[in-house]
Protein backbone atom coordinates (compact mmCIF):
# COMPACT_ATOMS: atom_id res chain seq x y z
CA MET A 1 91.87 107.51 114.95
CA GLN A 2 93.59 110.66 113.76
CA VAL A 3 94.32 109.10 110.36
CA TYR A 4 90.68 108.07 109.84
CA LEU A 5 89.47 111.54 110.80
CA SER A 6 92.05 113.20 108.57
CA ALA A 7 91.13 110.95 105.62
CA TYR A 8 87.44 111.71 106.14
CA GLY A 9 88.08 115.46 106.28
CA ALA A 10 90.10 115.23 103.03
CA LYS A 11 87.27 113.20 101.45
CA GLN A 12 89.68 110.43 100.50
CA HIS A 13 86.78 107.96 100.57
CA GLU A 14 84.89 109.70 97.78
CA THR A 15 87.25 109.49 94.80
CA PRO A 16 88.45 105.87 94.89
CA PHE A 17 85.25 104.34 96.29
CA GLY A 18 82.46 106.80 95.51
CA TRP A 19 81.26 106.71 99.12
CA LYS A 20 79.56 109.78 100.56
CA ALA A 21 80.41 108.67 104.10
CA PHE A 22 81.92 105.82 106.08
CA ARG A 23 82.19 104.72 109.70
CA VAL A 24 84.88 102.82 111.57
CA LEU A 25 83.84 99.85 113.69
CA THR A 26 86.21 99.35 116.59
CA VAL A 27 85.98 96.07 118.48
CA THR A 28 87.85 96.24 121.75
CA THR A 29 88.57 94.12 124.81
CA ASP A 30 86.27 95.59 127.45
CA ASP A 31 84.03 98.50 128.47
CA GLN A 32 86.83 100.37 130.23
CA ARG A 33 88.99 100.34 127.10
CA MET A 34 86.00 101.44 125.01
CA ARG A 35 85.34 104.40 127.33
CA SER A 36 89.00 105.48 127.26
CA MET A 37 89.04 105.39 123.45
CA GLN A 38 85.80 107.41 123.33
CA ALA A 39 87.28 109.99 125.71
CA ALA A 40 90.43 110.28 123.57
CA LEU A 41 88.30 110.78 120.47
CA ARG A 42 86.30 113.59 122.01
CA GLU A 43 89.54 115.53 122.53
CA LEU A 44 90.47 115.39 118.82
CA GLN A 45 89.38 118.31 116.66
CA PHE A 46 89.07 117.67 112.92
CA PRO A 47 86.89 120.10 110.95
CA SER A 48 84.57 118.78 108.23
CA THR A 49 84.24 115.38 109.91
CA PRO A 50 81.66 113.71 112.15
CA GLY A 51 84.35 113.76 114.86
CA ALA A 52 83.86 111.08 117.52
CA GLY A 53 80.66 110.02 115.74
CA LEU A 54 82.78 108.56 112.92
CA PHE A 55 83.60 105.62 115.18
CA PHE A 56 81.35 102.82 116.38
CA PHE A 57 82.42 100.69 119.34
CA ALA A 58 81.65 97.25 120.72
CA THR A 59 83.42 94.71 122.89
CA ARG A 60 84.41 91.28 121.61
CA LEU A 61 82.29 89.54 124.21
CA ALA A 62 79.17 91.56 123.35
CA LEU A 63 79.53 90.79 119.64
CA ARG A 64 80.03 87.09 120.31
CA ARG A 65 76.72 87.02 122.17
CA SER A 66 74.57 88.61 119.48
CA ASP A 67 74.13 89.19 115.77
CA PRO A 68 76.60 91.99 114.90
CA PHE A 69 74.15 93.55 112.45
CA VAL A 70 71.46 94.12 115.07
CA HIS A 71 73.71 94.54 118.12
CA THR A 72 73.47 97.94 119.81
CA LEU A 73 76.80 99.71 119.37
CA GLN A 74 78.04 102.99 120.82
CA ASP A 75 79.49 105.80 118.78
CA GLY A 76 82.45 107.85 119.98
CA ASN A 77 80.06 110.19 121.83
CA GLY A 78 78.41 107.34 123.71
CA HIS A 79 75.19 107.40 121.66
CA LEU A 80 73.57 104.01 121.09
CA ILE A 81 73.14 102.93 117.47
CA LYS A 82 72.43 99.84 115.37
CA LEU A 83 73.92 99.06 111.98
CA ILE A 84 70.62 97.64 110.79
CA ASN A 85 67.19 98.02 112.32
CA ARG A 86 65.48 94.71 111.70
CA VAL A 87 61.71 94.82 111.42
CA GLU A 88 59.94 91.54 112.09
CA ARG A 89 56.88 91.05 109.95
CA LYS A 90 54.07 88.64 110.70
CA GLN A 91 53.36 86.29 107.88
CA ALA A 92 49.85 86.33 106.53
CA ALA A 93 47.82 83.36 107.69
């Protein structure tokens, strides 16, 4: 986690890839492990980074049960997010 935060702060993603930002998806074993990783992240201080918000978390079981692109993930601060917000459109009759 420290390496990802350090790389982000040094903007190492911009030169080789041209990305303005990136996030790290962490798939872990269970909710307890996810919470402990989130707590560890909140203790790290890296200026010029999104901090704990750089990381998205999910458990293996939760991702197996749903489409990973629309699954509700948690960031390192515990905020709920989705990678893609799918909008269902009704077809014209």
